[in-house]
């Protein structure tokens, strides 16, 4: 069993058994101990390494990211941010 850590801070670490897969959906490499994993918020690509998710999102969803940035541009940050 491998322990994986979700990049998203509100999710708890899971084992690879809890993910339903033992490999990254993008690069197909097996998850290693203490890998950071995440999913794509714009599609259902599945669990992937954080670095693979960054590449996937910037290649496949760049316009959606830019729209999200523009949507949040005028929102005020919390005091702790």
PDB file of N, CA and C in Angstrom:
ATOM      1  N   UNK A   1       0.850  -1.185   0.000  1.00  0.00           N
ATOM      2  CA  UNK A   1       0.000   0.000   0.000  1.00  0.00           C
ATOM      3  C   UNK A   1       0.896   1.249   0.000  1.00  0.00           C
ATOM      4  N   UNK A   2       0.544   2.202  -0.832  1.00  0.00           N
ATOM      5  CA  UNK A   2       1.262   3.459  -0.952  1.00  0.00           C
ATOM      6  C   UNK A   2       0.399   4.574  -0.389  1.00  0.00           C
ATOM      7  N   UNK A   3       0.993   5.476   0.359  1.00  0.00           N
ATOM      8  CA  UNK A   3       0.275   6.641   0.862  1.00  0.00           C
ATOM      9  C   UNK A   3       0.428   7.765  -0.156  1.00  0.00           C
ATOM     10  N   UNK A   4      -0.689   8.329  -0.591  1.00  0.00           N
ATOM     11  CA  UNK A   4      -0.659   9.460  -1.511  1.00  0.00           C
ATOM     12  C   UNK A   4      -1.285  10.663  -0.831  1.00  0.00           C
ATOM     13  N   UNK A   5      -0.854  11.853  -1.192  1.00  0.00           N
ATOM     14  CA  UNK A   5      -1.351  13.081  -0.587  1.00  0.00           C
ATOM     15  C   UNK A   5      -2.057  13.901  -1.654  1.00  0.00           C
ATOM     16  N   UNK A   6      -3.291  14.282  -1.372  1.00  0.00           N
ATOM     17  CA  UNK A   6      -4.017  15.131  -2.311  1.00  0.00           C
ATOM     18  C   UNK A   6      -3.466  16.531  -2.251  1.00  0.00           C
ATOM     19  N   UNK A   7      -3.279  17.127  -3.409  1.00  0.00           N
ATOM     20  CA  UNK A   7      -2.782  18.500  -3.475  1.00  0.00           C
ATOM     21  C   UNK A   7      -3.801  19.465  -2.896  1.00  0.00           C
ATOM     22  N   UNK A   8      -5.076  19.178  -3.070  1.00  0.00           N
ATOM     23  CA  UNK A   8      -6.130  20.059  -2.576  1.00  0.00           C
ATOM     24  C   UNK A   8      -6.170  19.973  -1.056  1.00  0.00           C
ATOM     25  N   UNK A   9      -5.980  21.083  -0.358  1.00  0.00           N
ATOM     26  CA  UNK A   9      -5.787  21.054   1.088  1.00  0.00           C
ATOM     27  C   UNK A   9      -6.994  20.589   1.898  1.00  0.00           C
ATOM     28  N   UNK A  10      -8.179  20.623   1.357  1.00  0.00           N
ATOM     29  CA  UNK A  10      -9.336  20.231   2.146  1.00  0.00           C
ATOM     30  C   UNK A  10      -9.590  18.725   2.072  1.00  0.00           C
ATOM     31  N   UNK A  11      -8.823  18.001   1.272  1.00  0.00           N
ATOM     32  CA  UNK A  11      -8.964  16.551   1.192  1.00  0.00           C
ATOM     33  C   UNK A  11      -7.876  15.887   2.009  1.00  0.00           C
ATOM     34  N   UNK A  12      -8.200  14.773   2.610  1.00  0.00           N
ATOM     35  CA  UNK A  12      -7.242  14.067   3.444  1.00  0.00           C
ATOM     36  C   UNK A  12      -6.388  13.126   2.600  1.00  0.00           C
ATOM     37  N   UNK A  13      -5.197  12.776   3.084  1.00  0.00           N
ATOM     38  CA  UNK A  13      -4.381  11.781   2.388  1.00  0.00           C
ATOM     39  C   UNK A  13      -5.128  10.456   2.287  1.00  0.00           C
ATOM     40  N   UNK A  14      -4.954   9.790   1.193  1.00  0.00           N
ATOM     41  CA  UNK A  14      -5.593   8.510   0.962  1.00  0.00           C
ATOM     42  C   UNK A  14      -4.551   7.478   0.578  1.00  0.00           C
ATOM     43  N   UNK A  15      -4.903   6.238   0.694  1.00  0.00           N
ATOM     44  CA  UNK A  15      -4.027   5.202   0.155  1.00  0.00           C
ATOM     45  C   UNK A  15      -4.366   5.007  -1.311  1.00  0.00           C
ATOM     46  N   UNK A  16      -3.470   4.371  -2.038  1.00  0.00           N
ATOM     47  CA  UNK A  16      -3.749   4.138  -3.450  1.00  0.00           C
ATOM     48  C   UNK A  16      -4.971   3.236  -3.625  1.00  0.00           C
ATOM     49  N   UNK A  17      -5.266   2.406  -2.636  1.00  0.00           N
ATOM     50  CA  UNK A  17      -6.471   1.572  -2.703  1.00  0.00           C
ATOM     51  C   UNK A  17      -7.738   2.400  -2.651  1.00  0.00           C
ATOM     52  N   UNK A  18      -7.724   3.481  -1.889  1.00  0.00           N
ATOM     53  CA  UNK A  18      -8.889   4.365  -1.793  1.00  0.00           C
ATOM     54  C   UNK A  18      -9.107   5.161  -3.069  1.00  0.00           C
ATOM     55  N   UNK A  19      -8.048   5.365  -3.853  1.00  0.00           N
ATOM     56  CA  UNK A  19      -8.174   6.112  -5.106  1.00  0.00           C
ATOM     57  C   UNK A  19      -8.926   5.320  -6.165  1.00  0.00           C
ATOM     58  N   UNK A  20      -8.840   4.003  -6.091  1.00  0.00           N
ATOM     59  CA  UNK A  20      -9.445   3.175  -7.120  1.00  0.00           C
ATOM     60  C   UNK A  20      -8.478   2.914  -8.266  1.00  0.00           C
ATOM     61  N   UNK A  21      -7.272   3.408  -8.153  1.00  0.00           N
ATOM     62  CA  UNK A  21      -6.252   3.193  -9.168  1.00  0.00           C
ATOM     63  C   UNK A  21      -4.891   3.254  -8.503  1.00  0.00           C
ATOM     64  N   UNK A  22      -3.920   2.630  -9.111  1.00  0.00           N
ATOM     65  CA  UNK A  22      -2.571   2.697  -8.558  1.00  0.00           C
ATOM     66  C   UNK A  22      -1.606   3.397  -9.512  1.00  0.00           C
ATOM     67  N   UNK A  23      -2.171   4.017 -10.564  1.00  0.00           N
ATOM     68  CA  UNK A  23      -1.331   4.697 -11.551  1.00  0.00           C
ATOM     69  C   UNK A  23      -1.965   6.011 -11.977  1.00  0.00           C
ATOM     70  N   UNK A  24      -1.128   6.922 -12.404  1.00  0.00           N
ATOM     71  CA  UNK A  24      -1.554   8.232 -12.894  1.00  0.00           C
ATOM     72  C   UNK A  24      -2.338   8.058 -14.192  1.00  0.00           C
ATOM     73  N   UNK A  25      -3.453   8.728 -14.312  1.00  0.00           N
ATOM     74  CA  UNK A  25      -4.275   8.598 -15.511  1.00  0.00           C
ATOM     75  C   UNK A  25      -3.651   9.285 -16.726  1.00  0.00           C
ATOM     76  N   UNK A  26      -2.652  10.144 -16.499  1.00  0.00           N
ATOM     77  CA  UNK A  26      -2.016  10.837 -17.618  1.00  0.00           C
ATOM     78  C   UNK A  26      -0.726  10.143 -18.065  1.00  0.00           C
ATOM     79  N   UNK A  27       0.242   9.995 -17.171  1.00  0.00           N
ATOM     80  CA  UNK A  27       1.531   9.410 -17.556  1.00  0.00           C
ATOM     81  C   UNK A  27       1.568   7.892 -17.393  1.00  0.00           C
ATOM     82  N   UNK A  28       0.564   7.329 -16.746  1.00  0.00           N
ATOM     83  CA  UNK A  28       0.422   5.878 -16.537  1.00  0.00           C
ATOM     84  C   UNK A  28       1.466   5.271 -15.599  1.00  0.00           C
ATOM     85  N   UNK A  29       2.302   6.096 -14.944  1.00  0.00           N
ATOM     86  CA  UNK A  29       3.273   5.581 -13.987  1.00  0.00           C
ATOM     87  C   UNK A  29       2.583   5.335 -12.654  1.00  0.00           C
ATOM     88  N   UNK A  30       3.025   4.303 -11.958  1.00  0.00           N
ATOM     89  CA  UNK A  30       2.446   3.989 -10.655  1.00  0.00           C
ATOM     90  C   UNK A  30       2.759   5.090  -9.653  1.00  0.00           C
ATOM     91  N   UNK A  31       1.814   5.318  -8.747  1.00  0.00           N
ATOM     92  CA  UNK A  31       2.055   6.270  -7.678  1.00  0.00           C
ATOM     93  C   UNK A  31       3.101   5.698  -6.724  1.00  0.00           C
ATOM     94  N   UNK A  32       3.998   6.550  -6.265  1.00  0.00           N
ATOM     95  CA  UNK A  32       5.042   6.158  -5.324  1.00  0.00           C
ATOM     96  C   UNK A  32       4.682   6.695  -3.948  1.00  0.00           C
ATOM     97  N   UNK A  33       5.437   6.274  -2.953  1.00  0.00           N
ATOM     98  CA  UNK A  33       5.179   6.714  -1.579  1.00  0.00           C
ATOM     99  C   UNK A  33       5.243   8.234  -1.495  1.00  0.00           C
ATOM    100  N   UNK A  34       4.245   8.820  -0.907  1.00  0.00           N
ATOM    101  CA  UNK A  34       4.151  10.253  -0.637  1.00  0.00           C
ATOM    102  C   UNK A  34       4.078  11.113  -1.899  1.00  0.00           C
ATOM    103  N   UNK A  35       3.529  10.587  -2.979  1.00  0.00           N
ATOM    104  CA  UNK A  35       3.278  11.395  -4.177  1.00  0.00           C
ATOM    105  C   UNK A  35       2.100  12.326  -3.923  1.00  0.00           C
ATOM    106  N   UNK A  36       2.167  13.520  -4.471  1.00  0.00           N
ATOM    107  CA  UNK A  36       1.021  14.418  -4.443  1.00  0.00           C
ATOM    108  C   UNK A  36       0.170  14.116  -5.664  1.00  0.00           C
ATOM    109  N   UNK A  37      -1.108  13.893  -5.444  1.00  0.00           N
ATOM    110  CA  UNK A  37      -2.028  13.597  -6.535  1.00  0.00           C
ATOM    111  C   UNK A  37      -3.184  14.580  -6.496  1.00  0.00           C
ATOM    112  N   UNK A  38      -3.849  14.723  -7.602  1.00  0.00           N
ATOM    113  CA  UNK A  38      -5.006  15.585  -7.700  1.00  0.00           C
ATOM    114  C   UNK A  38      -5.822  15.137  -8.895  1.00  0.00           C
ATOM    115  N   UNK A  39      -6.902  15.822  -9.144  1.00  0.00           N
ATOM    116  CA  UNK A  39      -7.716  15.587 -10.320  1.00  0.00           C
ATOM    117  C   UNK A  39      -7.916  16.909 -11.039  1.00  0.00           C
ATOM    118  N   UNK A  40      -8.446  16.835 -12.233  1.00  0.00           N
ATOM    119  CA  UNK A  40      -8.701  18.053 -12.999  1.00  0.00           C
ATOM    120  C   UNK A  40     -10.059  18.613 -12.598  1.00  0.00           C
ATOM    121  N   UNK A  41     -10.096  19.880 -12.275  1.00  0.00           N
ATOM    122  CA  UNK A  41     -11.369  20.494 -11.888  1.00  0.00           C
ATOM    123  C   UNK A  41     -12.238  20.834 -13.090  1.00  0.00           C
ATOM    124  N   UNK A  42     -11.691  20.706 -14.291  1.00  0.00           N
ATOM    125  CA  UNK A  42     -12.430  21.059 -15.494  1.00  0.00           C
ATOM    126  C   UNK A  42     -12.963  19.849 -16.264  1.00  0.00           C
ATOM    127  N   UNK A  43     -12.464  18.650 -15.973  1.00  0.00           N
ATOM    128  CA  UNK A  43     -12.946  17.449 -16.664  1.00  0.00           C
ATOM    129  C   UNK A  43     -12.803  16.245 -15.731  1.00  0.00           C
ATOM    130  N   UNK A  44     -13.119  15.088 -16.222  1.00  0.00           N
ATOM    131  CA  UNK A  44     -13.051  13.865 -15.420  1.00  0.00           C
ATOM    132  C   UNK A  44     -11.861  13.008 -15.841  1.00  0.00           C
ATOM    133  N   UNK A  45     -10.693  13.603 -15.882  1.00  0.00           N
ATOM    134  CA  UNK A  45      -9.490  12.901 -16.325  1.00  0.00           C
ATOM    135  C   UNK A  45      -9.029  11.837 -15.335  1.00  0.00           C
ATOM    136  N   UNK A  46      -9.460  11.900 -14.093  1.00  0.00           N
ATOM    137  CA  UNK A  46      -9.062  10.922 -13.088  1.00  0.00           C
ATOM    138  C   UNK A  46      -7.906  11.412 -12.238  1.00  0.00           C
ATOM    139  N   UNK A  47      -7.482  10.566 -11.307  1.00  0.00           N
ATOM    140  CA  UNK A  47      -6.390  10.914 -10.395  1.00  0.00           C
ATOM    141  C   UNK A  47      -5.074  10.908 -11.152  1.00  0.00           C
ATOM    142  N   UNK A  48      -4.274  11.947 -10.904  1.00  0.00           N
ATOM    143  CA  UNK A  48      -2.980  12.056 -11.573  1.00  0.00           C
ATOM    144  C   UNK A  48      -1.991  12.767 -10.675  1.00  0.00           C
ATOM    145  N   UNK A  49      -0.705  12.610 -10.977  1.00  0.00           N
ATOM    146  CA  UNK A  49       0.322  13.341 -10.240  1.00  0.00           C
ATOM    147  C   UNK A  49       0.039  14.841 -10.345  1.00  0.00           C
ATOM    148  N   UNK A  50       0.425  15.587  -9.344  1.00  0.00           N
ATOM    149  CA  UNK A  50       0.210  17.032  -9.352  1.00  0.00           C
ATOM    150  C   UNK A  50       0.908  17.682 -10.545  1.00  0.00           C
ATOM    151  N   UNK A  51       2.124  17.238 -10.857  1.00  0.00           N
ATOM    152  CA  UNK A  51       2.851  17.815 -11.993  1.00  0.00           C
ATOM    153  C   UNK A  51       2.168  17.468 -13.320  1.00  0.00           C
ATOM    154  N   UNK A  52       1.615  16.276 -13.422  1.00  0.00           N
ATOM    155  CA  UNK A  52       0.883  15.875 -14.631  1.00  0.00           C
ATOM    156  C   UNK A  52      -0.398  16.701 -14.761  1.00  0.00           C
ATOM    157  N   UNK A  53      -1.053  16.952 -13.626  1.00  0.00           N
ATOM    158  CA  UNK A  53      -2.277  17.762 -13.647  1.00  0.00           C
ATOM    159  C   UNK A  53      -1.975  19.178 -14.104  1.00  0.00           C
ATOM    160  N   UNK A  54      -0.862  19.739 -13.654  1.00  0.00           N
ATOM    161  CA  UNK A  54      -0.481  21.086 -14.093  1.00  0.00           C
ATOM    162  C   UNK A  54      -0.324  21.130 -15.610  1.00  0.00           C
ATOM    163  N   UNK A  55       0.379  20.148 -16.159  1.00  0.00           N
ATOM    164  CA  UNK A  55       0.584  20.087 -17.609  1.00  0.00           C
ATOM    165  C   UNK A  55      -0.745  19.900 -18.340  1.00  0.00           C
ATOM    166  N   UNK A  56      -1.556  18.979 -17.846  1.00  0.00           N
ATOM    167  CA  UNK A  56      -2.856  18.700 -18.463  1.00  0.00           C
ATOM    168  C   UNK A  56      -3.738  19.942 -18.494  1.00  0.00           C
ATOM    169  N   UNK A  57      -3.825  20.616 -17.364  1.00  0.00           N
ATOM    170  CA  UNK A  57      -4.698  21.790 -17.267  1.00  0.00           C
ATOM    171  C   UNK A  57      -4.217  22.911 -18.179  1.00  0.00           C
ATOM    172  N   UNK A  58      -2.911  23.142 -18.233  1.00  0.00           N
ATOM    173  CA  UNK A  58      -2.406  24.221 -19.075  1.00  0.00           C
ATOM    174  C   UNK A  58      -2.500  23.898 -20.569  1.00  0.00           C
ATOM    175  N   UNK A  59      -2.463  22.616 -20.934  1.00  0.00           N
ATOM    176  CA  UNK A  59      -2.588  22.236 -22.343  1.00  0.00           C
ATOM    177  C   UNK A  59      -4.045  22.144 -22.792  1.00  0.00           C
ATOM    178  N   UNK A  60      -4.886  21.556 -21.967  1.00  0.00           N
ATOM    179  CA  UNK A  60      -6.268  21.259 -22.371  1.00  0.00           C
ATOM    180  C   UNK A  60      -7.286  22.303 -21.929  1.00  0.00           C
ATOM    181  N   UNK A  61      -6.980  23.052 -20.874  1.00  0.00           N
ATOM    182  CA  UNK A  61      -7.987  23.936 -20.278  1.00  0.00           C
ATOM    183  C   UNK A  61      -7.479  25.360 -20.082  1.00  0.00           C
ATOM    184  N   UNK A  62      -6.546  25.810 -20.895  1.00  0.00           N
ATOM    185  CA  UNK A  62      -5.941  27.129 -20.709  1.00  0.00           C
ATOM    186  C   UNK A  62      -6.988  28.250 -20.751  1.00  0.00           C
ATOM    187  N   UNK A  63      -7.935  28.179 -21.674  1.00  0.00           N
ATOM    188  CA  UNK A  63      -8.964  29.220 -21.770  1.00  0.00           C
ATOM    189  C   UNK A  63      -9.854  29.235 -20.536  1.00  0.00           C
ATOM    190  N   UNK A  64     -10.146  28.060 -19.999  1.00  0.00           N
ATOM    191  CA  UNK A  64     -10.966  27.993 -18.790  1.00  0.00           C
ATOM    192  C   UNK A  64     -10.218  28.561 -17.586  1.00  0.00           C
ATOM    193  N   UNK A  65      -8.912  28.314 -17.520  1.00  0.00           N
ATOM    194  CA  UNK A  65      -8.102  28.870 -16.433  1.00  0.00           C
ATOM    195  C   UNK A  65      -8.082  30.391 -16.535  1.00  0.00           C
ATOM    196  N   UNK A  66      -7.856  30.905 -17.748  1.00  0.00           N
ATOM    197  CA  UNK A  66      -7.836  32.352 -17.936  1.00  0.00           C
ATOM    198  C   UNK A  66      -9.178  32.975 -17.573  1.00  0.00           C
ATOM    199  N   UNK A  67     -10.275  32.316 -17.934  1.00  0.00           N
ATOM    200  CA  UNK A  67     -11.600  32.824 -17.579  1.00  0.00           C
ATOM    201  C   UNK A  67     -11.795  32.830 -16.067  1.00  0.00           C
ATOM    202  N   UNK A  68     -11.306  31.798 -15.397  1.00  0.00           N
ATOM    203  CA  UNK A  68     -11.430  31.727 -13.934  1.00  0.00           C
ATOM    204  C   UNK A  68     -10.605  32.824 -13.272  1.00  0.00           C
ATOM    205  N   UNK A  69      -9.407  33.060 -13.786  1.00  0.00           N
ATOM    206  CA  UNK A  69      -8.553  34.136 -13.254  1.00  0.00           C
ATOM    207  C   UNK A  69      -9.242  35.478 -13.432  1.00  0.00           C
ATOM    208  N   UNK A  70      -9.761  35.734 -14.613  1.00  0.00           N
ATOM    209  CA  UNK A  70     -10.451  37.004 -14.873  1.00  0.00           C
ATOM    210  C   UNK A  70     -11.686  37.164 -14.004  1.00  0.00           C
ATOM    211  N   UNK A  71     -12.391  36.077 -13.763  1.00  0.00           N
ATOM    212  CA  UNK A  71     -13.583  36.117 -12.915  1.00  0.00           C
ATOM    213  C   UNK A  71     -13.237  36.491 -11.477  1.00  0.00           C
ATOM    214  N   UNK A  72     -12.072  36.063 -11.010  1.00  0.00           N
ATOM    215  CA  UNK A  72     -11.662  36.317  -9.626  1.00  0.00           C
ATOM    216  C   UNK A  72     -10.776  37.546  -9.469  1.00  0.00           C
ATOM    217  N   UNK A  73     -10.435  38.188 -10.550  1.00  0.00           N
ATOM    218  CA  UNK A  73      -9.490  39.305 -10.516  1.00  0.00           C
ATOM    219  C   UNK A  73      -9.960  40.451  -9.610  1.00  0.00           C
ATOM    220  N   UNK A  74     -11.220  40.771  -9.637  1.00  0.00           N
ATOM    221  CA  UNK A  74     -11.725  41.913  -8.869  1.00  0.00           C
ATOM    222  C   UNK A  74     -12.235  41.532  -7.476  1.00  0.00           C
ATOM    223  N   UNK A  75     -12.164  40.248  -7.155  1.00  0.00           N
ATOM    224  CA  UNK A  75     -12.633  39.841  -5.821  1.00  0.00           C
ATOM    225  C   UNK A  75     -11.564  40.149  -4.799  1.00  0.00           C
ATOM    226  N   UNK A  76     -12.015  40.645  -3.685  1.00  0.00           N
ATOM    227  CA  UNK A  76     -11.100  41.026  -2.612  1.00  0.00           C
ATOM    228  C   UNK A  76     -10.618  39.791  -1.868  1.00  0.00           C
ATOM    229  N   UNK A  77      -9.334  39.757  -1.522  1.00  0.00           N
ATOM    230  CA  UNK A  77      -8.770  38.648  -0.769  1.00  0.00           C
ATOM    231  C   UNK A  77      -9.140  38.793   0.701  1.00  0.00           C
ATOM    232  N   UNK A  78      -9.124  37.672   1.412  1.00  0.00           N
ATOM    233  CA  UNK A  78      -9.307  37.699   2.865  1.00  0.00           C
ATOM    234  C   UNK A  78      -8.074  38.327   3.495  1.00  0.00           C
ATOM    235  N   UNK A  79      -8.208  38.784   4.708  1.00  0.00           N
ATOM    236  CA  UNK A  79      -7.099  39.431   5.402  1.00  0.00           C
ATOM    237  C   UNK A  79      -5.873  38.528   5.511  1.00  0.00           C
ATOM    238  N   UNK A  80      -6.090  37.218   5.666  1.00  0.00           N
ATOM    239  CA  UNK A  80      -4.959  36.303   5.832  1.00  0.00           C
ATOM    240  C   UNK A  80      -4.312  35.928   4.503  1.00  0.00           C
ATOM    241  N   UNK A  81      -4.847  36.394   3.379  1.00  0.00           N
ATOM    242  CA  UNK A  81      -4.254  36.087   2.088  1.00  0.00           C
ATOM    243  C   UNK A  81      -3.430  37.273   1.626  1.00  0.00           C
TER     244      UNK A  81
END
